[in-house]
Amino acid sequence: MRFVTTIKKAFEANQDIIYGQKQSDYLKNNFPCYGIPTQNRREILKNCSVEYAEEIKIDFRTICWELYQFPHREMHQTAIDIFLKEIKKDFRIDDIAFIEKLILNHSWWDSVDTLAKYAVGGYLKKFPEKTYSIIDEFSNSENMWLNRTAIIFQLGYKSKTDFELLVSECEKHKHSKEFFIQKAIGWALREYGSVNPNAVLEYVKTANLKPLSKKEAIRKLI
C-alpha cells in the first residue's frame, strides 16, 4: 500500500543508528530500531497520514498487518497506534481474532501491554458477554503473552474491575516462574489497589504469591 511505503521511507530518512541500537538493546535485541523517539515517530505518522487519510480509514486493519510484516519496532508501534486510533469504540465482534494475532506476533512487553489494556480491554468493554470465554482461552493458552494479557486487560477499569476474575487469574498463574507473569500479577493488583486497597491487601496477605508479585502488588499500598 502507498501509505506503508511512504511511512517506511520517512522512518528511514529520520533514522538515528546510534540511538536505534540503544533502543534495540532496551528491547533485548529482539527487534531492530530506526532510532526514532516516540514523539517524533507519532509526528511522522501524523504528517504521512494526511495524504492517505481515506485509505487508512477504509483499510486500517490491512495496513496494520502489512506494517507488522517489517522487522523494525517502529513499524509495529505505528501499526498499533493506527489500530487504536481507528478502532476507537467501533470494535467489530470478529476483531478479537485480529487483536490476538497482533499479540502473538513480534511479542514483547511494550506491544503486548498496550494491546492488552486498550485493544482487549476496550473490546471487552463493548462486548462484556465475551469476557469469560476470551479470558479463559487466553489464560489457558501455552503462550505466556496471552496469559499476561488475561491478567492485565483490566488495567484502567478502576472501580469497574471484576476483582473476582482478577483473583482467579492470579491464582491460576501465581506459581509461574516467568518474570513477565509475576510482574503482571503484581501490576494488576496494584492498579486495583488504587481504588480498593483493603481488598488487595487482604488477598495478598493469604495468597502466597511469588515475592516479586507480592512486592509489586503492595508497593504503593503500605
N, C-alpha and C. Protein backbone atom coordinates (compact mmCIF):
# COMPACT_ATOMS: atom_id res chain seq x y z
N MET A 1 0.84 -1.19 0.00
CA MET A 1 0.00 0.00 0.00
C MET A 1 0.88 1.25 0.00
N ARG A 2 0.36 2.32 -0.61
CA ARG A 2 1.17 3.52 -0.76
C ARG A 2 1.54 4.14 0.57
N PHE A 3 0.59 4.12 1.52
CA PHE A 3 0.88 4.69 2.83
C PHE A 3 2.03 3.97 3.51
N VAL A 4 2.03 2.65 3.47
CA VAL A 4 3.08 1.86 4.12
C VAL A 4 4.44 2.19 3.51
N THR A 5 4.50 2.28 2.20
CA THR A 5 5.76 2.65 1.53
C THR A 5 6.22 4.04 1.95
N THR A 6 5.28 4.96 2.03
CA THR A 6 5.60 6.35 2.40
C THR A 6 6.16 6.45 3.80
N ILE A 7 5.51 5.80 4.76
CA ILE A 7 5.97 5.94 6.15
C ILE A 7 7.28 5.19 6.36
N LYS A 8 7.47 4.11 5.66
CA LYS A 8 8.74 3.38 5.76
C LYS A 8 9.90 4.27 5.28
N LYS A 9 9.70 4.95 4.17
CA LYS A 9 10.72 5.86 3.65
C LYS A 9 10.96 7.02 4.61
N ALA A 10 9.90 7.50 5.24
CA ALA A 10 10.04 8.60 6.20
C ALA A 10 10.83 8.17 7.42
N PHE A 11 10.59 6.97 7.90
CA PHE A 11 11.35 6.45 9.04
C PHE A 11 12.82 6.27 8.66
N GLU A 12 13.06 5.75 7.49
CA GLU A 12 14.44 5.55 7.03
C GLU A 12 15.17 6.87 6.90
N ALA A 13 14.46 7.91 6.48
CA ALA A 13 15.08 9.23 6.31
C ALA A 13 15.39 9.89 7.65
N ASN A 14 14.71 9.45 8.70
CA ASN A 14 14.90 10.05 10.03
C ASN A 14 15.61 9.12 11.01
N GLN A 15 16.16 8.05 10.53
CA GLN A 15 16.76 7.09 11.45
C GLN A 15 18.05 7.63 12.09
N ASP A 16 18.28 7.17 13.29
CA ASP A 16 19.48 7.51 14.06
C ASP A 16 20.09 6.17 14.48
N ILE A 17 21.13 5.78 13.81
CA ILE A 17 21.70 4.44 14.01
C ILE A 17 22.16 4.21 15.45
N ILE A 18 22.79 5.21 16.04
CA ILE A 18 23.31 5.05 17.40
C ILE A 18 22.16 4.92 18.40
N TYR A 19 21.18 5.82 18.30
CA TYR A 19 20.04 5.75 19.21
C TYR A 19 19.21 4.49 18.94
N GLY A 20 19.17 4.11 17.67
CA GLY A 20 18.45 2.90 17.30
C GLY A 20 19.02 1.67 17.98
N GLN A 21 20.33 1.60 18.08
CA GLN A 21 20.96 0.47 18.75
C GLN A 21 20.64 0.49 20.25
N LYS A 22 20.58 1.70 20.83
CA LYS A 22 20.22 1.80 22.24
C LYS A 22 18.79 1.32 22.47
N GLN A 23 17.90 1.70 21.55
CA GLN A 23 16.51 1.23 21.66
C GLN A 23 16.43 -0.28 21.52
N SER A 24 17.18 -0.80 20.58
CA SER A 24 17.19 -2.25 20.36
C SER A 24 17.74 -2.98 21.58
N ASP A 25 18.79 -2.43 22.18
CA ASP A 25 19.35 -3.02 23.40
C ASP A 25 18.30 -3.05 24.51
N TYR A 26 17.52 -1.96 24.62
CA TYR A 26 16.48 -1.86 25.65
C TYR A 26 15.42 -2.94 25.46
N LEU A 27 15.20 -3.31 24.21
CA LEU A 27 14.23 -4.36 23.89
C LEU A 27 14.91 -5.73 23.77
N LYS A 28 16.07 -5.86 24.44
CA LYS A 28 16.81 -7.12 24.49
C LYS A 28 17.19 -7.63 23.09
N ASN A 29 17.35 -6.69 22.16
CA ASN A 29 17.75 -7.01 20.78
C ASN A 29 16.78 -7.97 20.08
N ASN A 30 15.53 -7.88 20.48
CA ASN A 30 14.50 -8.67 19.81
C ASN A 30 14.12 -8.06 18.47
N PHE A 31 14.35 -6.75 18.32
CA PHE A 31 13.95 -6.06 17.11
C PHE A 31 14.98 -5.00 16.73
N PRO A 32 15.20 -4.78 15.43
CA PRO A 32 15.99 -3.62 15.02
C PRO A 32 15.12 -2.38 15.19
N CYS A 33 15.76 -1.23 15.40
CA CYS A 33 15.03 0.02 15.58
C CYS A 33 15.64 1.10 14.71
N TYR A 34 14.79 1.97 14.20
CA TYR A 34 15.29 3.10 13.42
C TYR A 34 15.93 4.15 14.32
N GLY A 35 15.57 4.15 15.58
CA GLY A 35 16.13 5.15 16.49
C GLY A 35 15.33 6.44 16.47
N ILE A 36 14.01 6.32 16.42
CA ILE A 36 13.14 7.49 16.37
C ILE A 36 12.33 7.54 17.67
N PRO A 37 12.50 8.58 18.48
CA PRO A 37 11.73 8.69 19.74
C PRO A 37 10.23 8.67 19.49
N THR A 38 9.48 8.26 20.48
CA THR A 38 8.03 8.10 20.34
C THR A 38 7.35 9.35 19.81
N GLN A 39 7.66 10.51 20.39
CA GLN A 39 7.01 11.75 19.96
C GLN A 39 7.30 12.04 18.49
N ASN A 40 8.55 11.84 18.08
CA ASN A 40 8.91 12.07 16.68
C ASN A 40 8.23 11.06 15.76
N ARG A 41 8.18 9.81 16.20
CA ARG A 41 7.54 8.78 15.40
C ARG A 41 6.07 9.11 15.16
N ARG A 42 5.40 9.59 16.19
CA ARG A 42 3.99 9.92 16.04
C ARG A 42 3.79 11.18 15.20
N GLU A 43 4.74 12.07 15.23
CA GLU A 43 4.67 13.26 14.38
C GLU A 43 4.83 12.87 12.91
N ILE A 44 5.75 11.94 12.66
CA ILE A 44 5.93 11.43 11.29
C ILE A 44 4.66 10.74 10.82
N LEU A 45 4.06 9.93 11.69
CA LEU A 45 2.81 9.26 11.35
C LEU A 45 1.72 10.28 11.02
N LYS A 46 1.62 11.31 11.83
CA LYS A 46 0.62 12.35 11.60
C LYS A 46 0.81 13.01 10.25
N ASN A 47 2.05 13.35 9.93
CA ASN A 47 2.35 14.02 8.66
C ASN A 47 2.09 13.11 7.46
N CYS A 48 2.47 11.85 7.59
CA CYS A 48 2.30 10.90 6.49
C CYS A 48 0.83 10.53 6.29
N SER A 49 0.04 10.65 7.34
CA SER A 49 -1.36 10.22 7.27
C SER A 49 -2.24 11.21 6.51
N VAL A 50 -1.81 12.44 6.42
CA VAL A 50 -2.65 13.47 5.81
C VAL A 50 -3.09 13.08 4.40
N GLU A 51 -2.13 12.68 3.59
CA GLU A 51 -2.42 12.35 2.19
C GLU A 51 -3.21 11.06 2.05
N TYR A 52 -3.08 10.17 3.05
CA TYR A 52 -3.68 8.84 2.92
C TYR A 52 -4.79 8.60 3.94
N ALA A 53 -5.40 9.67 4.42
CA ALA A 53 -6.40 9.55 5.47
C ALA A 53 -7.55 8.61 5.09
N GLU A 54 -8.02 8.71 3.86
CA GLU A 54 -9.13 7.89 3.42
C GLU A 54 -8.72 6.42 3.31
N GLU A 55 -7.53 6.20 2.77
CA GLU A 55 -7.01 4.83 2.64
C GLU A 55 -6.89 4.18 4.01
N ILE A 56 -6.39 4.91 4.98
CA ILE A 56 -6.22 4.38 6.32
C ILE A 56 -7.57 4.07 6.96
N LYS A 57 -8.49 5.00 6.84
CA LYS A 57 -9.81 4.82 7.46
C LYS A 57 -10.52 3.60 6.91
N ILE A 58 -10.45 3.40 5.61
CA ILE A 58 -11.17 2.30 4.97
C ILE A 58 -10.51 0.95 5.23
N ASP A 59 -9.17 0.93 5.25
CA ASP A 59 -8.46 -0.35 5.25
C ASP A 59 -7.39 -0.43 6.34
N PHE A 60 -7.68 0.12 7.52
CA PHE A 60 -6.63 0.21 8.54
C PHE A 60 -6.18 -1.15 9.05
N ARG A 61 -7.06 -2.13 9.09
CA ARG A 61 -6.64 -3.45 9.56
C ARG A 61 -5.60 -4.06 8.62
N THR A 62 -5.83 -3.96 7.34
CA THR A 62 -4.86 -4.47 6.36
C THR A 62 -3.55 -3.71 6.44
N ILE A 63 -3.63 -2.41 6.60
CA ILE A 63 -2.42 -1.58 6.72
C ILE A 63 -1.64 -1.98 7.96
N CYS A 64 -2.34 -2.15 9.07
CA CYS A 64 -1.66 -2.55 10.32
C CYS A 64 -0.92 -3.86 10.15
N TRP A 65 -1.57 -4.82 9.52
CA TRP A 65 -0.93 -6.11 9.34
C TRP A 65 0.25 -6.02 8.38
N GLU A 66 0.16 -5.19 7.37
CA GLU A 66 1.27 -5.01 6.45
C GLU A 66 2.46 -4.37 7.18
N LEU A 67 2.19 -3.42 8.05
CA LEU A 67 3.25 -2.81 8.85
C LEU A 67 3.93 -3.85 9.74
N TYR A 68 3.15 -4.81 10.19
CA TYR A 68 3.67 -5.85 11.07
C TYR A 68 4.60 -6.83 10.35
N GLN A 69 4.63 -6.78 9.04
CA GLN A 69 5.50 -7.70 8.29
C GLN A 69 6.95 -7.23 8.27
N PHE A 70 7.19 -6.00 8.69
CA PHE A 70 8.56 -5.46 8.70
C PHE A 70 9.22 -5.74 10.04
N PRO A 71 10.54 -5.82 10.08
CA PRO A 71 11.22 -6.17 11.33
C PRO A 71 11.36 -5.02 12.32
N HIS A 72 11.39 -3.77 11.84
CA HIS A 72 11.68 -2.64 12.74
C HIS A 72 10.53 -2.38 13.71
N ARG A 73 10.91 -2.10 14.96
CA ARG A 73 9.90 -1.93 16.01
C ARG A 73 9.01 -0.73 15.76
N GLU A 74 9.53 0.31 15.18
CA GLU A 74 8.71 1.48 14.91
C GLU A 74 7.54 1.16 13.98
N MET A 75 7.72 0.20 13.09
CA MET A 75 6.63 -0.20 12.19
C MET A 75 5.52 -0.89 12.97
N HIS A 76 5.89 -1.72 13.93
CA HIS A 76 4.89 -2.41 14.76
C HIS A 76 4.16 -1.40 15.66
N GLN A 77 4.93 -0.49 16.25
CA GLN A 77 4.33 0.52 17.12
C GLN A 77 3.38 1.42 16.35
N THR A 78 3.74 1.73 15.13
CA THR A 78 2.87 2.55 14.28
C THR A 78 1.59 1.80 13.95
N ALA A 79 1.70 0.52 13.68
CA ALA A 79 0.52 -0.29 13.41
C ALA A 79 -0.44 -0.25 14.59
N ILE A 80 0.08 -0.38 15.80
CA ILE A 80 -0.75 -0.36 16.99
C ILE A 80 -1.38 1.01 17.19
N ASP A 81 -0.60 2.08 16.97
CA ASP A 81 -1.15 3.43 17.08
C ASP A 81 -2.31 3.63 16.11
N ILE A 82 -2.13 3.19 14.89
CA ILE A 82 -3.20 3.32 13.88
C ILE A 82 -4.43 2.52 14.28
N PHE A 83 -4.20 1.28 14.69
CA PHE A 83 -5.32 0.42 15.06
C PHE A 83 -6.14 1.03 16.19
N LEU A 84 -5.47 1.48 17.24
CA LEU A 84 -6.18 2.01 18.39
C LEU A 84 -6.89 3.33 18.07
N LYS A 85 -6.31 4.13 17.20
CA LYS A 85 -6.94 5.39 16.81
C LYS A 85 -8.19 5.14 15.96
N GLU A 86 -8.08 4.23 15.03
CA GLU A 86 -9.18 3.99 14.10
C GLU A 86 -10.30 3.16 14.71
N ILE A 87 -9.95 2.27 15.62
CA ILE A 87 -10.96 1.37 16.16
C ILE A 87 -11.86 2.09 17.15
N LYS A 88 -11.26 2.96 17.97
CA LYS A 88 -11.97 3.73 18.98
C LYS A 88 -13.03 2.87 19.66
N LYS A 89 -14.29 3.25 19.53
CA LYS A 89 -15.35 2.45 20.15
C LYS A 89 -16.10 1.63 19.10
N ASP A 90 -15.51 1.48 17.94
CA ASP A 90 -16.19 0.79 16.85
C ASP A 90 -15.65 -0.61 16.61
N PHE A 91 -15.35 -1.31 17.69
CA PHE A 91 -14.88 -2.69 17.57
C PHE A 91 -15.94 -3.55 16.89
N ARG A 92 -15.50 -4.44 16.02
CA ARG A 92 -16.38 -5.45 15.45
C ARG A 92 -16.23 -6.72 16.27
N ILE A 93 -17.23 -7.56 16.25
CA ILE A 93 -17.21 -8.77 17.06
C ILE A 93 -16.04 -9.67 16.68
N ASP A 94 -15.64 -9.66 15.42
CA ASP A 94 -14.54 -10.53 14.98
C ASP A 94 -13.17 -9.91 15.15
N ASP A 95 -13.09 -8.70 15.70
CA ASP A 95 -11.78 -8.04 15.87
C ASP A 95 -10.89 -8.75 16.87
N ILE A 96 -11.46 -9.53 17.76
CA ILE A 96 -10.62 -10.20 18.77
C ILE A 96 -9.61 -11.14 18.12
N ALA A 97 -9.97 -11.74 17.00
CA ALA A 97 -9.03 -12.63 16.30
C ALA A 97 -7.84 -11.84 15.78
N PHE A 98 -8.10 -10.64 15.26
CA PHE A 98 -7.02 -9.80 14.76
C PHE A 98 -6.16 -9.28 15.90
N ILE A 99 -6.78 -8.89 16.99
CA ILE A 99 -6.04 -8.43 18.16
C ILE A 99 -5.13 -9.54 18.68
N GLU A 100 -5.66 -10.75 18.75
CA GLU A 100 -4.85 -11.89 19.20
C GLU A 100 -3.66 -12.10 18.27
N LYS A 101 -3.88 -11.94 16.98
CA LYS A 101 -2.79 -12.12 16.01
C LYS A 101 -1.70 -11.07 16.25
N LEU A 102 -2.08 -9.84 16.57
CA LEU A 102 -1.09 -8.81 16.86
C LEU A 102 -0.32 -9.14 18.14
N ILE A 103 -1.01 -9.65 19.14
CA ILE A 103 -0.35 -10.02 20.39
C ILE A 103 0.68 -11.12 20.16
N LEU A 104 0.34 -12.07 19.32
CA LEU A 104 1.19 -13.26 19.12
C LEU A 104 2.36 -13.04 18.17
N ASN A 105 2.35 -11.93 17.45
CA ASN A 105 3.44 -11.66 16.51
C ASN A 105 4.32 -10.52 17.00
N HIS A 106 5.64 -10.72 16.88
CA HIS A 106 6.61 -9.74 17.38
C HIS A 106 6.33 -9.39 18.84
N SER A 107 6.06 -10.40 19.63
CA SER A 107 5.62 -10.19 21.02
C SER A 107 6.74 -9.69 21.91
N TRP A 108 6.45 -8.64 22.63
CA TRP A 108 7.31 -8.18 23.73
C TRP A 108 6.44 -7.32 24.62
N TRP A 109 6.92 -6.98 25.80
CA TRP A 109 6.05 -6.33 26.78
C TRP A 109 5.47 -5.01 26.27
N ASP A 110 6.23 -4.25 25.47
CA ASP A 110 5.75 -2.93 25.06
C ASP A 110 4.52 -3.02 24.17
N SER A 111 4.51 -3.96 23.25
CA SER A 111 3.34 -4.12 22.37
C SER A 111 2.21 -4.84 23.09
N VAL A 112 2.54 -5.90 23.80
CA VAL A 112 1.51 -6.71 24.46
C VAL A 112 0.75 -5.90 25.51
N ASP A 113 1.46 -5.11 26.28
CA ASP A 113 0.78 -4.34 27.35
C ASP A 113 -0.18 -3.31 26.77
N THR A 114 0.23 -2.66 25.69
CA THR A 114 -0.65 -1.68 25.04
C THR A 114 -1.88 -2.36 24.46
N LEU A 115 -1.68 -3.48 23.79
CA LEU A 115 -2.79 -4.21 23.19
C LEU A 115 -3.70 -4.80 24.26
N ALA A 116 -3.12 -5.28 25.35
CA ALA A 116 -3.93 -5.85 26.43
C ALA A 116 -4.86 -4.81 27.03
N LYS A 117 -4.31 -3.66 27.36
CA LYS A 117 -5.09 -2.62 28.04
C LYS A 117 -6.10 -1.96 27.12
N TYR A 118 -5.66 -1.54 25.95
CA TYR A 118 -6.51 -0.71 25.11
C TYR A 118 -7.30 -1.49 24.06
N ALA A 119 -6.69 -2.54 23.51
CA ALA A 119 -7.39 -3.32 22.48
C ALA A 119 -8.29 -4.38 23.12
N VAL A 120 -7.69 -5.29 23.90
CA VAL A 120 -8.51 -6.32 24.55
C VAL A 120 -9.44 -5.68 25.59
N GLY A 121 -8.89 -4.79 26.41
CA GLY A 121 -9.72 -4.12 27.41
C GLY A 121 -10.86 -3.34 26.78
N GLY A 122 -10.58 -2.61 25.70
CA GLY A 122 -11.61 -1.85 25.01
C GLY A 122 -12.64 -2.74 24.35
N TYR A 123 -12.18 -3.80 23.72
CA TYR A 123 -13.07 -4.76 23.06
C TYR A 123 -14.05 -5.36 24.07
N LEU A 124 -13.54 -5.78 25.23
CA LEU A 124 -14.39 -6.45 26.20
C LEU A 124 -15.31 -5.48 26.94
N LYS A 125 -15.01 -4.19 26.90
CA LYS A 125 -15.96 -3.21 27.42
C LYS A 125 -17.16 -3.12 26.48
N LYS A 126 -16.91 -3.25 25.18
CA LYS A 126 -18.01 -3.20 24.22
C LYS A 126 -18.78 -4.52 24.18
N PHE A 127 -18.04 -5.63 24.33
CA PHE A 127 -18.69 -6.94 24.29
C PHE A 127 -18.45 -7.69 25.61
N PRO A 128 -18.98 -7.20 26.71
CA PRO A 128 -18.70 -7.81 28.02
C PRO A 128 -19.14 -9.26 28.12
N GLU A 129 -20.12 -9.64 27.31
CA GLU A 129 -20.59 -11.02 27.34
C GLU A 129 -19.54 -12.01 26.85
N LYS A 130 -18.49 -11.49 26.17
CA LYS A 130 -17.42 -12.35 25.65
C LYS A 130 -16.26 -12.48 26.64
N THR A 131 -16.33 -11.75 27.75
CA THR A 131 -15.18 -11.66 28.65
C THR A 131 -14.70 -13.02 29.14
N TYR A 132 -15.59 -13.80 29.72
CA TYR A 132 -15.14 -15.05 30.35
C TYR A 132 -14.62 -16.06 29.34
N SER A 133 -15.24 -16.14 28.19
CA SER A 133 -14.77 -17.12 27.19
C SER A 133 -13.41 -16.72 26.62
N ILE A 134 -13.23 -15.44 26.35
CA ILE A 134 -11.96 -14.99 25.77
C ILE A 134 -10.83 -15.05 26.80
N ILE A 135 -11.09 -14.56 27.99
CA ILE A 135 -10.05 -14.58 29.02
C ILE A 135 -9.72 -16.01 29.42
N ASP A 136 -10.68 -16.89 29.43
CA ASP A 136 -10.41 -18.30 29.71
C ASP A 136 -9.50 -18.89 28.64
N GLU A 137 -9.78 -18.56 27.38
CA GLU A 137 -8.95 -19.05 26.28
C GLU A 137 -7.53 -18.52 26.40
N PHE A 138 -7.39 -17.23 26.65
CA PHE A 138 -6.06 -16.62 26.77
C PHE A 138 -5.32 -17.18 27.99
N SER A 139 -6.04 -17.31 29.07
CA SER A 139 -5.43 -17.76 30.32
C SER A 139 -4.93 -19.20 30.25
N ASN A 140 -5.63 -20.03 29.49
CA ASN A 140 -5.26 -21.44 29.37
C ASN A 140 -4.30 -21.72 28.22
N SER A 141 -3.95 -20.68 27.48
CA SER A 141 -3.02 -20.84 26.37
C SER A 141 -1.63 -21.20 26.88
N GLU A 142 -0.86 -21.85 26.03
CA GLU A 142 0.53 -22.14 26.36
C GLU A 142 1.42 -20.94 26.04
N ASN A 143 0.83 -19.89 25.47
CA ASN A 143 1.59 -18.68 25.15
C ASN A 143 1.60 -17.73 26.33
N MET A 144 2.79 -17.41 26.82
CA MET A 144 2.94 -16.57 28.00
C MET A 144 2.34 -15.18 27.82
N TRP A 145 2.41 -14.63 26.60
CA TRP A 145 1.92 -13.27 26.36
C TRP A 145 0.40 -13.22 26.41
N LEU A 146 -0.27 -14.28 25.98
CA LEU A 146 -1.72 -14.33 26.13
C LEU A 146 -2.10 -14.47 27.60
N ASN A 147 -1.32 -15.23 28.35
CA ASN A 147 -1.53 -15.34 29.80
C ASN A 147 -1.40 -13.97 30.46
N ARG A 148 -0.36 -13.24 30.09
CA ARG A 148 -0.15 -11.90 30.66
C ARG A 148 -1.33 -10.98 30.31
N THR A 149 -1.80 -11.09 29.08
CA THR A 149 -2.94 -10.29 28.65
C THR A 149 -4.16 -10.58 29.51
N ALA A 150 -4.41 -11.86 29.81
CA ALA A 150 -5.56 -12.24 30.63
C ALA A 150 -5.49 -11.63 32.03
N ILE A 151 -4.28 -11.44 32.51
CA ILE A 151 -4.09 -10.88 33.85
C ILE A 151 -4.26 -9.36 33.87
N ILE A 152 -3.76 -8.68 32.84
CA ILE A 152 -3.70 -7.21 32.90
C ILE A 152 -4.72 -6.48 32.04
N PHE A 153 -5.61 -7.18 31.36
CA PHE A 153 -6.51 -6.49 30.43
C PHE A 153 -7.42 -5.48 31.12
N GLN A 154 -7.61 -5.61 32.45
CA GLN A 154 -8.49 -4.69 33.17
C GLN A 154 -7.77 -3.44 33.67
N LEU A 155 -6.52 -3.27 33.33
CA LEU A 155 -5.83 -2.04 33.70
C LEU A 155 -6.63 -0.86 33.16
N GLY A 156 -6.94 0.08 34.00
CA GLY A 156 -7.74 1.21 33.57
C GLY A 156 -9.22 1.04 33.86
N TYR A 157 -9.66 -0.15 34.26
CA TYR A 157 -11.07 -0.36 34.58
C TYR A 157 -11.43 0.29 35.93
N LYS A 158 -10.42 0.50 36.77
CA LYS A 158 -10.62 1.13 38.07
C LYS A 158 -11.70 0.40 38.89
N SER A 159 -12.75 1.15 39.33
CA SER A 159 -13.78 0.55 40.19
C SER A 159 -14.64 -0.47 39.45
N LYS A 160 -14.56 -0.47 38.13
CA LYS A 160 -15.34 -1.44 37.35
C LYS A 160 -14.61 -2.76 37.15
N THR A 161 -13.44 -2.88 37.76
CA THR A 161 -12.67 -4.12 37.68
C THR A 161 -13.47 -5.28 38.26
N ASP A 162 -13.45 -6.39 37.55
CA ASP A 162 -14.03 -7.62 38.07
C ASP A 162 -12.96 -8.27 38.94
N PHE A 163 -13.00 -7.95 40.24
CA PHE A 163 -11.94 -8.40 41.14
C PHE A 163 -11.94 -9.92 41.29
N GLU A 164 -13.11 -10.51 41.25
CA GLU A 164 -13.19 -11.98 41.34
C GLU A 164 -12.46 -12.62 40.16
N LEU A 165 -12.63 -12.05 38.98
CA LEU A 165 -11.93 -12.57 37.81
C LEU A 165 -10.44 -12.33 37.92
N LEU A 166 -10.05 -11.16 38.40
CA LEU A 166 -8.63 -10.86 38.57
C LEU A 166 -7.99 -11.84 39.55
N VAL A 167 -8.64 -12.08 40.66
CA VAL A 167 -8.12 -13.03 41.65
C VAL A 167 -8.01 -14.42 41.04
N SER A 168 -9.00 -14.80 40.26
CA SER A 168 -8.97 -16.11 39.60
C SER A 168 -7.74 -16.24 38.71
N GLU A 169 -7.42 -15.18 37.96
CA GLU A 169 -6.24 -15.20 37.10
C GLU A 169 -4.95 -15.23 37.91
N CYS A 170 -4.93 -14.50 38.99
CA CYS A 170 -3.75 -14.51 39.86
C CYS A 170 -3.52 -15.90 40.45
N GLU A 171 -4.60 -16.52 40.90
CA GLU A 171 -4.49 -17.85 41.47
C GLU A 171 -4.00 -18.86 40.44
N LYS A 172 -4.49 -18.73 39.24
CA LYS A 172 -4.14 -19.67 38.18
C LYS A 172 -2.65 -19.60 37.83
N HIS A 173 -2.09 -18.40 37.90
CA HIS A 173 -0.73 -18.20 37.40
C HIS A 173 0.29 -17.82 38.50
N LYS A 174 -0.13 -17.85 39.75
CA LYS A 174 0.75 -17.33 40.81
C LYS A 174 2.00 -18.17 41.04
N HIS A 175 2.02 -19.41 40.56
CA HIS A 175 3.21 -20.24 40.73
C HIS A 175 4.15 -20.18 39.53
N SER A 176 3.80 -19.38 38.55
CA SER A 176 4.62 -19.27 37.35
C SER A 176 6.02 -18.74 37.68
N LYS A 177 7.01 -19.28 36.99
CA LYS A 177 8.39 -18.82 37.17
C LYS A 177 8.73 -17.70 36.19
N GLU A 178 7.78 -17.37 35.30
CA GLU A 178 8.02 -16.34 34.29
C GLU A 178 8.01 -14.95 34.93
N PHE A 179 9.08 -14.19 34.68
CA PHE A 179 9.18 -12.83 35.21
C PHE A 179 7.97 -11.99 34.78
N PHE A 180 7.61 -12.07 33.51
CA PHE A 180 6.55 -11.21 32.99
C PHE A 180 5.17 -11.57 33.54
N ILE A 181 5.01 -12.80 33.99
CA ILE A 181 3.75 -13.20 34.63
C ILE A 181 3.73 -12.72 36.08
N GLN A 182 4.81 -12.93 36.78
CA GLN A 182 4.89 -12.47 38.16
C GLN A 182 4.70 -10.95 38.25
N LYS A 183 5.32 -10.26 37.32
CA LYS A 183 5.22 -8.80 37.28
C LYS A 183 3.78 -8.37 36.95
N ALA A 184 3.15 -9.08 36.03
CA ALA A 184 1.78 -8.75 35.64
C ALA A 184 0.81 -8.88 36.81
N ILE A 185 0.96 -9.94 37.59
CA ILE A 185 0.09 -10.15 38.75
C ILE A 185 0.22 -8.99 39.72
N GLY A 186 1.45 -8.62 40.03
CA GLY A 186 1.67 -7.50 40.95
C GLY A 186 1.12 -6.19 40.41
N TRP A 187 1.33 -5.96 39.13
CA TRP A 187 0.87 -4.72 38.49
C TRP A 187 -0.66 -4.62 38.52
N ALA A 188 -1.33 -5.69 38.12
CA ALA A 188 -2.79 -5.69 38.07
C ALA A 188 -3.39 -5.47 39.46
N LEU A 189 -2.83 -6.14 40.45
CA LEU A 189 -3.32 -5.97 41.81
C LEU A 189 -3.06 -4.56 42.32
N ARG A 190 -1.89 -4.03 42.04
CA ARG A 190 -1.57 -2.66 42.48
C ARG A 190 -2.52 -1.64 41.87
N GLU A 191 -2.84 -1.83 40.59
CA GLU A 191 -3.76 -0.90 39.93
C GLU A 191 -5.14 -0.93 40.58
N TYR A 192 -5.64 -2.13 40.86
CA TYR A 192 -6.94 -2.21 41.52
C TYR A 192 -6.84 -1.69 42.95
N GLY A 193 -5.69 -1.85 43.55
CA GLY A 193 -5.47 -1.36 44.90
C GLY A 193 -5.62 0.15 45.02
N SER A 194 -5.51 0.86 43.91
CA SER A 194 -5.67 2.31 43.95
C SER A 194 -7.12 2.72 44.23
N VAL A 195 -8.07 1.81 43.98
CA VAL A 195 -9.48 2.10 44.27
C VAL A 195 -10.02 1.23 45.40
N ASN A 196 -9.37 0.11 45.67
CA ASN A 196 -9.83 -0.79 46.74
C ASN A 196 -8.63 -1.43 47.43
N PRO A 197 -7.86 -0.63 48.14
CA PRO A 197 -6.63 -1.16 48.76
C PRO A 197 -6.88 -2.27 49.77
N ASN A 198 -7.95 -2.19 50.51
CA ASN A 198 -8.22 -3.21 51.54
C ASN A 198 -8.42 -4.59 50.92
N ALA A 199 -9.12 -4.63 49.79
CA ALA A 199 -9.37 -5.91 49.12
C ALA A 199 -8.06 -6.53 48.65
N VAL A 200 -7.19 -5.70 48.09
CA VAL A 200 -5.91 -6.19 47.58
C VAL A 200 -5.02 -6.64 48.73
N LEU A 201 -4.93 -5.84 49.78
CA LEU A 201 -4.09 -6.21 50.92
C LEU A 201 -4.57 -7.49 51.57
N GLU A 202 -5.88 -7.64 51.67
CA GLU A 202 -6.44 -8.85 52.27
C GLU A 202 -6.11 -10.08 51.43
N TYR A 203 -6.22 -9.93 50.13
CA TYR A 203 -5.91 -11.05 49.24
C TYR A 203 -4.42 -11.40 49.30
N VAL A 204 -3.58 -10.40 49.20
CA VAL A 204 -2.13 -10.63 49.19
C VAL A 204 -1.67 -11.30 50.49
N LYS A 205 -2.34 -10.96 51.59
CA LYS A 205 -1.96 -11.49 52.89
C LYS A 205 -2.02 -13.02 52.94
N THR A 206 -2.96 -13.61 52.21
CA THR A 206 -3.16 -15.06 52.30
C THR A 206 -2.90 -15.81 50.99
N ALA A 207 -2.49 -15.07 49.93
CA ALA A 207 -2.43 -15.69 48.60
C ALA A 207 -1.16 -16.49 48.33
N ASN A 208 -0.14 -16.30 49.14
CA ASN A 208 1.13 -17.00 48.91
C ASN A 208 1.66 -16.73 47.50
N LEU A 209 1.71 -15.45 47.15
CA LEU A 209 2.23 -15.04 45.85
C LEU A 209 3.75 -15.14 45.81
N LYS A 210 4.30 -15.18 44.60
CA LYS A 210 5.74 -15.11 44.44
C LYS A 210 6.21 -13.76 45.00
N PRO A 211 7.44 -13.70 45.54
CA PRO A 211 7.93 -12.45 46.14
C PRO A 211 7.82 -11.24 45.22
N LEU A 212 8.14 -11.39 43.94
CA LEU A 212 8.05 -10.25 43.01
C LEU A 212 6.61 -9.78 42.87
N SER A 213 5.67 -10.71 42.73
CA SER A 213 4.27 -10.34 42.61
C SER A 213 3.78 -9.61 43.85
N LYS A 214 4.14 -10.12 45.00
CA LYS A 214 3.71 -9.50 46.26
C LYS A 214 4.31 -8.11 46.41
N LYS A 215 5.59 -7.99 46.11
CA LYS A 215 6.26 -6.70 46.22
C LYS A 215 5.60 -5.67 45.33
N GLU A 216 5.32 -6.05 44.08
CA GLU A 216 4.70 -5.11 43.13
C GLU A 216 3.27 -4.78 43.53
N ALA A 217 2.56 -5.74 44.07
CA ALA A 217 1.15 -5.54 44.42
C ALA A 217 0.97 -4.51 45.52
N ILE A 218 1.84 -4.56 46.55
CA ILE A 218 1.64 -3.69 47.71
C ILE A 218 2.58 -2.50 47.73
N ARG A 219 3.33 -2.32 46.67
CA ARG A 219 4.37 -1.28 46.64
C ARG A 219 3.84 0.10 46.99
N LYS A 220 2.63 0.42 46.59
CA LYS A 220 2.06 1.75 46.87
C LYS A 220 0.95 1.71 47.90
N LEU A 221 0.79 0.56 48.53
CA LEU A 221 -0.35 0.40 49.43
C LEU A 221 0.04 0.40 50.91
N ILE A 222 1.34 0.29 51.18
CA ILE A 222 1.75 0.29 52.59
C ILE A 222 2.89 1.28 52.80
